[in-house]
């Protein structure tokens, strides 16, 4: 099989919802990095964002903004983590339903990790449903940032809305 055919085969299910999700979650990740204060470590060269604690802590009460989503697939059967166990990559046990801001934010990040690092195959109907539900949550998170009195979240919204690149271009030199 040629590389081009391989890629075309894997595009099955990559609809506009999936593209929107990947752009949206990537933009949040970038904005958190640009604003600062959401990192896993206060020191060091890797600007990894702490999606399990620092991000949810910045969104108090966000779960109330999603109360009407409690019956969706994302909330009732959230994505499982894809991890290496005893040298073999597999999905872990299913988490319980999403009940608070921390579990909502972590489910969104887990879905992103699964799409980017998981099975890397054809997207199934459930994947499509999870992505569609997640896009609703991301839109509400962005709105939350816009309306927030927290200066950091206001900055996150500003960074997300800015179309130009920040800083210098990497010219390869």
N, C-alpha and C. Protein backbone atom coordinates (compact mmCIF):
# COMPACT_ATOMS: atom_id res chain seq x y z
N UNK A 1 0.84 -1.17 0.00
CA UNK A 1 0.00 0.00 0.00
C UNK A 1 0.89 1.24 0.00
N UNK A 2 0.57 2.19 -0.82
CA UNK A 2 1.29 3.46 -0.88
C UNK A 2 0.89 4.33 0.32
N UNK A 3 1.79 5.21 0.71
CA UNK A 3 1.55 6.10 1.85
C UNK A 3 0.27 6.91 1.65
N UNK A 4 0.09 7.47 0.46
CA UNK A 4 -1.09 8.28 0.18
C UNK A 4 -2.38 7.49 0.39
N UNK A 5 -2.41 6.22 -0.03
CA UNK A 5 -3.59 5.38 0.17
C UNK A 5 -3.81 5.11 1.66
N UNK A 6 -2.71 4.87 2.38
CA UNK A 6 -2.81 4.65 3.82
C UNK A 6 -3.47 5.85 4.50
N UNK A 7 -3.03 7.06 4.18
CA UNK A 7 -3.59 8.27 4.77
C UNK A 7 -5.05 8.42 4.37
N UNK A 8 -5.38 8.20 3.13
CA UNK A 8 -6.78 8.29 2.70
C UNK A 8 -7.67 7.31 3.44
N UNK A 9 -7.17 6.11 3.69
CA UNK A 9 -7.94 5.12 4.44
C UNK A 9 -8.19 5.60 5.87
N UNK A 10 -7.19 6.23 6.49
CA UNK A 10 -7.32 6.67 7.87
C UNK A 10 -8.17 7.94 8.01
N UNK A 11 -8.43 8.62 6.90
CA UNK A 11 -9.27 9.81 6.95
C UNK A 11 -10.75 9.47 7.14
N UNK A 12 -11.08 8.21 7.06
CA UNK A 12 -12.48 7.80 7.22
C UNK A 12 -12.99 8.30 8.58
N UNK A 13 -14.04 9.07 8.55
CA UNK A 13 -14.62 9.58 9.78
C UNK A 13 -14.06 10.92 10.22
N UNK A 14 -13.07 11.44 9.53
CA UNK A 14 -12.49 12.73 9.90
C UNK A 14 -13.36 13.85 9.30
N UNK A 15 -14.48 14.10 9.94
CA UNK A 15 -15.40 15.12 9.43
C UNK A 15 -15.10 16.48 10.06
N UNK A 16 -15.94 17.46 9.78
CA UNK A 16 -15.74 18.82 10.27
C UNK A 16 -15.76 18.90 11.79
N UNK A 17 -16.55 18.05 12.44
CA UNK A 17 -16.58 18.05 13.91
C UNK A 17 -15.22 17.65 14.48
N UNK A 18 -14.59 16.68 13.88
CA UNK A 18 -13.27 16.22 14.35
C UNK A 18 -12.24 17.33 14.14
N UNK A 19 -12.27 17.95 12.98
CA UNK A 19 -11.33 19.05 12.70
C UNK A 19 -11.55 20.19 13.70
N UNK A 20 -12.81 20.54 13.94
CA UNK A 20 -13.12 21.62 14.89
C UNK A 20 -12.63 21.27 16.28
N UNK A 21 -12.81 20.01 16.70
CA UNK A 21 -12.36 19.60 18.03
C UNK A 21 -10.84 19.73 18.15
N UNK A 22 -10.12 19.22 17.16
CA UNK A 22 -8.66 19.26 17.23
C UNK A 22 -8.16 20.70 17.22
N UNK A 23 -8.76 21.55 16.42
CA UNK A 23 -8.37 22.96 16.42
C UNK A 23 -8.71 23.59 17.76
N UNK A 24 -9.91 23.35 18.27
CA UNK A 24 -10.34 23.97 19.52
C UNK A 24 -9.50 23.56 20.71
N UNK A 25 -9.27 22.27 20.88
CA UNK A 25 -8.49 21.80 22.04
C UNK A 25 -7.03 22.24 21.92
N UNK A 26 -6.52 22.27 20.69
CA UNK A 26 -5.14 22.73 20.48
C UNK A 26 -5.02 24.21 20.80
N UNK A 27 -6.04 24.98 20.45
CA UNK A 27 -6.00 26.42 20.72
C UNK A 27 -6.07 26.69 22.22
N UNK A 28 -6.90 25.92 22.94
CA UNK A 28 -6.93 26.06 24.40
C UNK A 28 -5.55 25.74 24.98
N UNK A 29 -4.95 24.64 24.55
CA UNK A 29 -3.64 24.24 25.07
C UNK A 29 -2.61 25.34 24.82
N UNK A 30 -2.62 25.88 23.61
CA UNK A 30 -1.69 26.96 23.25
C UNK A 30 -1.94 28.20 24.12
N UNK A 31 -3.21 28.56 24.29
CA UNK A 31 -3.54 29.76 25.08
C UNK A 31 -3.12 29.59 26.53
N UNK A 32 -3.34 28.40 27.10
CA UNK A 32 -2.91 28.16 28.48
C UNK A 32 -1.40 28.32 28.60
N UNK A 33 -0.66 27.87 27.59
CA UNK A 33 0.80 28.00 27.61
C UNK A 33 1.22 29.47 27.51
N UNK A 34 0.56 30.22 26.65
CA UNK A 34 0.92 31.62 26.45
C UNK A 34 0.61 32.47 27.68
N UNK A 35 -0.49 32.17 28.35
CA UNK A 35 -0.89 32.95 29.52
C UNK A 35 -0.05 32.57 30.74
N UNK A 36 0.26 31.29 30.87
CA UNK A 36 1.06 30.81 32.00
C UNK A 36 0.20 30.53 33.22
N UNK A 37 0.80 29.82 34.17
CA UNK A 37 0.11 29.51 35.41
C UNK A 37 -0.69 28.23 35.40
N UNK A 38 -0.69 27.53 34.27
CA UNK A 38 -1.45 26.28 34.16
C UNK A 38 -0.52 25.07 33.98
N UNK A 39 0.78 25.28 34.21
CA UNK A 39 1.76 24.25 33.92
C UNK A 39 1.79 23.13 34.95
N UNK A 40 2.28 21.95 34.52
CA UNK A 40 2.42 20.83 35.44
C UNK A 40 3.56 21.07 36.41
N UNK A 41 4.57 21.81 35.96
CA UNK A 41 5.73 22.12 36.80
C UNK A 41 6.01 23.63 36.70
N UNK A 42 6.41 24.21 37.82
CA UNK A 42 6.70 25.65 37.81
C UNK A 42 8.05 25.94 37.18
N UNK A 43 8.92 24.96 37.11
CA UNK A 43 10.26 25.14 36.55
C UNK A 43 10.48 24.11 35.44
N UNK A 44 11.46 24.37 34.61
CA UNK A 44 11.86 23.41 33.60
C UNK A 44 11.47 23.85 32.19
N UNK A 45 12.01 23.14 31.20
CA UNK A 45 11.84 23.56 29.82
C UNK A 45 10.53 23.14 29.16
N UNK A 46 9.82 22.17 29.71
CA UNK A 46 8.61 21.67 29.06
C UNK A 46 7.36 22.41 29.54
N UNK A 47 6.69 23.10 28.63
CA UNK A 47 5.49 23.83 29.03
C UNK A 47 4.24 22.95 28.98
N UNK A 48 4.27 21.83 29.69
CA UNK A 48 3.13 20.92 29.70
C UNK A 48 2.02 21.50 30.57
N UNK A 49 0.82 21.46 30.07
CA UNK A 49 -0.33 21.99 30.79
C UNK A 49 -0.91 20.91 31.69
N UNK A 50 -1.28 21.30 32.89
CA UNK A 50 -1.86 20.39 33.87
C UNK A 50 -3.38 20.36 33.69
N UNK A 51 -3.83 19.45 32.83
CA UNK A 51 -5.26 19.33 32.52
C UNK A 51 -6.03 18.63 33.64
N UNK A 52 -5.33 18.03 34.59
CA UNK A 52 -6.02 17.32 35.67
C UNK A 52 -6.31 18.21 36.87
N UNK A 53 -5.49 19.20 37.14
CA UNK A 53 -5.70 20.02 38.34
C UNK A 53 -5.75 21.52 38.05
N UNK A 54 -4.69 22.08 37.48
CA UNK A 54 -4.62 23.53 37.30
C UNK A 54 -5.72 24.08 36.39
N UNK A 55 -5.98 23.40 35.28
CA UNK A 55 -7.03 23.88 34.38
C UNK A 55 -8.41 23.80 35.04
N UNK A 56 -8.81 22.63 35.56
CA UNK A 56 -10.14 22.60 36.21
C UNK A 56 -10.28 23.59 37.36
N UNK A 57 -9.19 23.79 38.12
CA UNK A 57 -9.24 24.73 39.24
C UNK A 57 -9.54 26.16 38.79
N UNK A 58 -9.19 26.49 37.56
CA UNK A 58 -9.42 27.83 37.02
C UNK A 58 -10.87 28.03 36.55
N UNK A 59 -11.64 26.95 36.51
CA UNK A 59 -13.02 27.01 36.01
C UNK A 59 -14.03 26.63 37.09
N UNK A 60 -14.03 27.31 38.23
CA UNK A 60 -14.97 26.92 39.29
C UNK A 60 -16.42 27.07 38.81
N UNK A 61 -17.21 26.06 39.12
CA UNK A 61 -18.63 26.09 38.75
C UNK A 61 -18.91 25.79 37.29
N UNK A 62 -17.88 25.45 36.52
CA UNK A 62 -18.11 25.19 35.09
C UNK A 62 -19.06 24.02 34.88
N UNK A 63 -19.04 23.05 35.79
CA UNK A 63 -19.93 21.89 35.64
C UNK A 63 -21.40 22.33 35.60
N UNK A 64 -21.73 23.42 36.28
CA UNK A 64 -23.11 23.93 36.25
C UNK A 64 -23.48 24.44 34.86
N UNK A 65 -22.48 24.92 34.11
CA UNK A 65 -22.73 25.40 32.74
C UNK A 65 -23.01 24.24 31.79
N UNK A 66 -22.72 23.02 32.26
CA UNK A 66 -22.89 21.83 31.43
C UNK A 66 -23.98 20.90 31.97
N UNK A 67 -24.77 21.38 32.91
CA UNK A 67 -25.77 20.52 33.55
C UNK A 67 -26.73 19.89 32.55
N UNK A 68 -27.06 20.61 31.49
CA UNK A 68 -27.99 20.07 30.49
C UNK A 68 -27.35 19.00 29.60
N UNK A 69 -26.04 18.79 29.74
CA UNK A 69 -25.35 17.78 28.93
C UNK A 69 -25.20 16.45 29.66
N UNK A 70 -25.70 16.35 30.87
CA UNK A 70 -25.51 15.15 31.71
C UNK A 70 -26.01 13.87 31.04
N UNK A 71 -26.94 13.96 30.10
CA UNK A 71 -27.46 12.77 29.43
C UNK A 71 -26.73 12.41 28.15
N UNK A 72 -25.70 13.16 27.77
CA UNK A 72 -24.98 12.89 26.53
C UNK A 72 -23.99 11.74 26.70
N UNK A 73 -23.55 11.20 25.60
CA UNK A 73 -22.58 10.10 25.60
C UNK A 73 -21.30 10.49 26.35
N UNK A 74 -20.82 11.70 26.12
CA UNK A 74 -19.59 12.15 26.78
C UNK A 74 -19.73 12.11 28.29
N UNK A 75 -20.88 12.49 28.80
CA UNK A 75 -21.09 12.56 30.25
C UNK A 75 -21.46 11.22 30.86
N UNK A 76 -22.18 10.39 30.13
CA UNK A 76 -22.62 9.11 30.70
C UNK A 76 -21.60 8.00 30.51
N UNK A 77 -20.84 8.06 29.42
CA UNK A 77 -19.83 7.03 29.13
C UNK A 77 -18.59 7.70 28.56
N UNK A 78 -17.85 8.45 29.39
CA UNK A 78 -16.70 9.21 28.91
C UNK A 78 -15.60 8.31 28.34
N UNK A 79 -14.71 8.90 27.55
CA UNK A 79 -13.64 8.10 26.95
C UNK A 79 -12.72 7.49 28.00
N UNK A 80 -12.27 6.31 27.69
CA UNK A 80 -11.31 5.62 28.57
C UNK A 80 -9.90 6.06 28.18
N UNK A 81 -9.00 6.03 29.13
CA UNK A 81 -7.60 6.35 28.84
C UNK A 81 -6.96 5.18 28.09
N UNK A 82 -6.10 5.52 27.14
CA UNK A 82 -5.34 4.55 26.36
C UNK A 82 -3.92 4.58 26.91
N UNK A 83 -3.53 3.53 27.62
CA UNK A 83 -2.24 3.51 28.32
C UNK A 83 -1.49 2.20 28.05
N UNK A 84 -0.20 2.23 28.32
CA UNK A 84 0.61 1.02 28.24
C UNK A 84 0.52 0.30 29.58
N UNK A 85 0.08 -0.94 29.53
CA UNK A 85 -0.03 -1.78 30.72
C UNK A 85 0.72 -3.07 30.45
N UNK A 86 1.72 -3.37 31.27
CA UNK A 86 2.53 -4.58 31.09
C UNK A 86 3.10 -4.67 29.66
N UNK A 87 3.52 -3.50 29.14
CA UNK A 87 4.15 -3.47 27.83
C UNK A 87 3.20 -3.47 26.65
N UNK A 88 1.90 -3.47 26.90
CA UNK A 88 0.91 -3.51 25.81
C UNK A 88 -0.01 -2.30 25.95
N UNK A 89 -0.24 -1.58 24.85
CA UNK A 89 -1.15 -0.44 24.86
C UNK A 89 -2.59 -0.94 24.81
N UNK A 90 -3.40 -0.41 25.71
CA UNK A 90 -4.81 -0.80 25.74
C UNK A 90 -5.62 0.26 26.48
N UNK A 91 -6.94 0.16 26.32
CA UNK A 91 -7.82 1.06 27.04
C UNK A 91 -7.98 0.57 28.47
N UNK A 92 -7.97 1.50 29.41
CA UNK A 92 -8.18 1.18 30.81
C UNK A 92 -9.67 1.05 31.09
N UNK A 93 -9.99 0.73 32.34
CA UNK A 93 -11.40 0.63 32.73
C UNK A 93 -12.12 1.94 32.46
N UNK A 94 -13.39 1.81 32.17
CA UNK A 94 -14.20 3.00 31.90
C UNK A 94 -14.36 3.82 33.18
N UNK A 95 -14.21 5.14 33.07
CA UNK A 95 -14.46 5.99 34.24
C UNK A 95 -15.97 6.09 34.46
N UNK A 96 -16.33 6.57 35.62
CA UNK A 96 -17.74 6.78 35.89
C UNK A 96 -18.26 8.01 35.14
N UNK A 97 -19.54 8.27 35.25
CA UNK A 97 -20.12 9.45 34.60
C UNK A 97 -19.44 10.73 35.08
N UNK A 98 -19.45 11.73 34.23
CA UNK A 98 -18.85 13.02 34.56
C UNK A 98 -19.77 13.77 35.52
N UNK A 99 -19.23 14.19 36.65
CA UNK A 99 -20.06 14.82 37.67
C UNK A 99 -19.55 16.18 38.13
N UNK A 100 -18.30 16.51 37.80
CA UNK A 100 -17.75 17.78 38.26
C UNK A 100 -16.82 18.36 37.20
N UNK A 101 -16.38 19.57 37.44
CA UNK A 101 -15.53 20.26 36.46
C UNK A 101 -14.26 19.47 36.16
N UNK A 102 -13.64 18.93 37.19
CA UNK A 102 -12.40 18.18 36.99
C UNK A 102 -12.61 16.99 36.06
N UNK A 103 -13.66 16.24 36.25
CA UNK A 103 -13.89 15.07 35.39
C UNK A 103 -14.26 15.49 33.96
N UNK A 104 -14.96 16.61 33.82
CA UNK A 104 -15.32 17.10 32.48
C UNK A 104 -14.07 17.50 31.71
N UNK A 105 -13.23 18.31 32.33
CA UNK A 105 -12.00 18.77 31.66
C UNK A 105 -11.09 17.58 31.34
N UNK A 106 -10.96 16.64 32.26
CA UNK A 106 -10.09 15.50 32.02
C UNK A 106 -10.65 14.62 30.89
N UNK A 107 -11.95 14.49 30.78
CA UNK A 107 -12.55 13.70 29.69
C UNK A 107 -12.25 14.34 28.34
N UNK A 108 -12.31 15.65 28.27
CA UNK A 108 -12.01 16.36 27.02
C UNK A 108 -10.55 16.10 26.63
N UNK A 109 -9.64 16.22 27.60
CA UNK A 109 -8.22 15.99 27.31
C UNK A 109 -7.96 14.52 26.96
N UNK A 110 -8.63 13.61 27.63
CA UNK A 110 -8.47 12.18 27.32
C UNK A 110 -8.93 11.89 25.90
N UNK A 111 -10.03 12.49 25.49
CA UNK A 111 -10.51 12.31 24.11
C UNK A 111 -9.46 12.83 23.13
N UNK A 112 -8.89 13.97 23.41
CA UNK A 112 -7.83 14.52 22.55
C UNK A 112 -6.64 13.56 22.46
N UNK A 113 -6.22 13.05 23.63
CA UNK A 113 -5.09 12.12 23.63
C UNK A 113 -5.43 10.86 22.85
N UNK A 114 -6.63 10.35 23.00
CA UNK A 114 -7.01 9.14 22.28
C UNK A 114 -7.01 9.36 20.78
N UNK A 115 -7.51 10.50 20.35
CA UNK A 115 -7.54 10.79 18.91
C UNK A 115 -6.14 11.00 18.34
N UNK A 116 -5.27 11.65 19.14
CA UNK A 116 -3.94 11.98 18.65
C UNK A 116 -2.92 10.86 18.87
N UNK A 117 -3.08 10.09 19.94
CA UNK A 117 -2.07 9.09 20.29
C UNK A 117 -2.61 7.68 20.43
N UNK A 118 -3.90 7.53 20.29
CA UNK A 118 -4.53 6.24 20.55
C UNK A 118 -4.46 5.28 19.38
N UNK A 119 -5.58 4.75 19.02
CA UNK A 119 -5.62 3.67 18.03
C UNK A 119 -5.22 4.11 16.63
N UNK A 120 -5.35 5.38 16.34
CA UNK A 120 -4.95 5.93 15.04
C UNK A 120 -5.62 5.21 13.87
N UNK A 121 -6.79 4.77 14.07
CA UNK A 121 -7.51 4.08 13.01
C UNK A 121 -8.80 4.79 12.68
N UNK A 122 -9.64 4.08 12.00
CA UNK A 122 -10.94 4.59 11.59
C UNK A 122 -11.72 5.05 12.82
N UNK A 123 -12.36 6.20 12.71
CA UNK A 123 -13.20 6.68 13.80
C UNK A 123 -14.55 5.99 13.73
N UNK A 124 -15.01 5.53 14.85
CA UNK A 124 -16.29 4.84 14.94
C UNK A 124 -17.39 5.84 15.29
N UNK A 125 -18.63 5.38 15.23
CA UNK A 125 -19.77 6.25 15.53
C UNK A 125 -19.64 6.85 16.92
N UNK A 126 -19.18 6.06 17.88
CA UNK A 126 -19.02 6.58 19.25
C UNK A 126 -18.00 7.71 19.28
N UNK A 127 -16.90 7.57 18.56
CA UNK A 127 -15.90 8.64 18.49
C UNK A 127 -16.55 9.92 17.98
N UNK A 128 -17.35 9.80 16.94
CA UNK A 128 -18.01 10.96 16.35
C UNK A 128 -18.94 11.63 17.37
N UNK A 129 -19.66 10.81 18.13
CA UNK A 129 -20.58 11.33 19.14
C UNK A 129 -19.81 12.03 20.25
N UNK A 130 -18.73 11.42 20.73
CA UNK A 130 -17.92 12.04 21.78
C UNK A 130 -17.35 13.37 21.32
N UNK A 131 -16.87 13.42 20.08
CA UNK A 131 -16.31 14.65 19.54
C UNK A 131 -17.38 15.73 19.44
N UNK A 132 -18.56 15.37 18.96
CA UNK A 132 -19.65 16.34 18.86
C UNK A 132 -20.00 16.90 20.24
N UNK A 133 -20.13 16.01 21.23
CA UNK A 133 -20.43 16.46 22.60
C UNK A 133 -19.30 17.33 23.15
N UNK A 134 -18.06 16.94 22.89
CA UNK A 134 -16.91 17.69 23.39
C UNK A 134 -16.85 19.09 22.80
N UNK A 135 -17.25 19.24 21.54
CA UNK A 135 -17.25 20.57 20.93
C UNK A 135 -18.22 21.51 21.64
N UNK A 136 -19.33 20.99 22.12
CA UNK A 136 -20.27 21.81 22.88
C UNK A 136 -19.60 22.27 24.18
N UNK A 137 -18.90 21.36 24.84
CA UNK A 137 -18.20 21.71 26.08
C UNK A 137 -17.11 22.75 25.82
N UNK A 138 -16.34 22.57 24.74
CA UNK A 138 -15.28 23.54 24.43
C UNK A 138 -15.86 24.92 24.14
N UNK A 139 -16.98 24.97 23.43
CA UNK A 139 -17.62 26.26 23.15
C UNK A 139 -18.05 26.94 24.45
N UNK A 140 -18.57 26.16 25.38
CA UNK A 140 -18.98 26.72 26.67
C UNK A 140 -17.77 27.14 27.50
N UNK A 141 -16.67 26.41 27.40
CA UNK A 141 -15.46 26.78 28.13
C UNK A 141 -14.91 28.10 27.59
N UNK A 142 -14.95 28.28 26.28
CA UNK A 142 -14.50 29.54 25.68
C UNK A 142 -15.40 30.69 26.15
N UNK A 143 -16.70 30.47 26.15
CA UNK A 143 -17.64 31.49 26.61
C UNK A 143 -17.39 31.82 28.09
N UNK A 144 -17.09 30.79 28.86
CA UNK A 144 -16.77 30.96 30.28
C UNK A 144 -15.56 31.89 30.42
N UNK A 145 -14.55 31.67 29.59
CA UNK A 145 -13.35 32.53 29.62
C UNK A 145 -13.71 33.97 29.26
N UNK A 146 -14.53 34.14 28.24
CA UNK A 146 -14.93 35.49 27.82
C UNK A 146 -15.65 36.24 28.93
N UNK A 147 -16.48 35.53 29.67
CA UNK A 147 -17.31 36.16 30.71
C UNK A 147 -16.66 36.19 32.09
N UNK A 148 -15.52 35.57 32.22
CA UNK A 148 -14.87 35.43 33.52
C UNK A 148 -14.35 36.77 34.05
N UNK A 149 -14.33 36.88 35.37
CA UNK A 149 -13.69 38.02 36.01
C UNK A 149 -12.23 37.71 36.34
N UNK A 150 -11.82 36.46 36.11
CA UNK A 150 -10.43 36.03 36.32
C UNK A 150 -9.60 36.54 35.14
N UNK A 151 -8.61 37.37 35.46
CA UNK A 151 -7.78 37.96 34.42
C UNK A 151 -7.07 36.94 33.55
N UNK A 152 -6.66 35.82 34.14
CA UNK A 152 -5.98 34.79 33.35
C UNK A 152 -6.91 34.20 32.31
N UNK A 153 -8.17 33.92 32.69
CA UNK A 153 -9.11 33.34 31.73
C UNK A 153 -9.48 34.34 30.65
N UNK A 154 -9.57 35.61 31.00
CA UNK A 154 -9.79 36.65 29.99
C UNK A 154 -8.65 36.64 28.97
N UNK A 155 -7.42 36.50 29.48
CA UNK A 155 -6.26 36.43 28.59
C UNK A 155 -6.32 35.18 27.71
N UNK A 156 -6.75 34.06 28.27
CA UNK A 156 -6.89 32.83 27.49
C UNK A 156 -7.83 33.09 26.31
N UNK A 157 -8.96 33.74 26.56
CA UNK A 157 -9.91 34.04 25.49
C UNK A 157 -9.28 34.96 24.45
N UNK A 158 -8.51 35.95 24.90
CA UNK A 158 -7.86 36.87 23.97
C UNK A 158 -6.84 36.15 23.09
N UNK A 159 -6.04 35.28 23.69
CA UNK A 159 -5.05 34.52 22.92
C UNK A 159 -5.76 33.62 21.91
N UNK A 160 -6.83 32.98 22.35
CA UNK A 160 -7.55 32.09 21.44
C UNK A 160 -8.11 32.83 20.24
N UNK A 161 -8.57 34.05 20.46
CA UNK A 161 -9.21 34.83 19.40
C UNK A 161 -8.21 35.47 18.44
N UNK A 162 -6.98 35.61 18.88
CA UNK A 162 -5.96 36.28 18.05
C UNK A 162 -5.54 35.36 16.92
N UNK A 163 -5.62 35.86 15.72
CA UNK A 163 -5.29 35.05 14.53
C UNK A 163 -3.80 35.08 14.20
N UNK A 164 -3.13 36.16 14.55
CA UNK A 164 -1.72 36.27 14.22
C UNK A 164 -0.89 35.41 15.17
N UNK A 165 0.29 35.05 14.71
CA UNK A 165 1.20 34.30 15.57
C UNK A 165 1.84 35.23 16.57
N UNK A 166 2.24 34.69 17.70
CA UNK A 166 2.94 35.46 18.72
C UNK A 166 4.44 35.26 18.51
N UNK A 167 5.20 36.29 18.73
CA UNK A 167 6.65 36.15 18.71
C UNK A 167 7.22 36.03 17.32
N UNK A 168 8.44 35.58 17.30
CA UNK A 168 9.16 35.46 16.05
C UNK A 168 8.84 34.16 15.34
N UNK A 169 8.97 34.18 14.04
CA UNK A 169 8.78 32.97 13.24
C UNK A 169 10.03 32.11 13.38
N UNK A 170 9.83 30.80 13.44
CA UNK A 170 10.95 29.85 13.45
C UNK A 170 11.42 29.71 12.01
N UNK A 171 12.51 30.40 11.69
CA UNK A 171 13.01 30.39 10.31
C UNK A 171 13.96 29.22 10.06
N UNK A 172 14.23 28.45 11.10
CA UNK A 172 15.12 27.31 10.92
C UNK A 172 16.58 27.66 11.05
N UNK A 173 16.87 28.89 11.34
CA UNK A 173 18.28 29.32 11.46
C UNK A 173 18.75 29.22 12.87
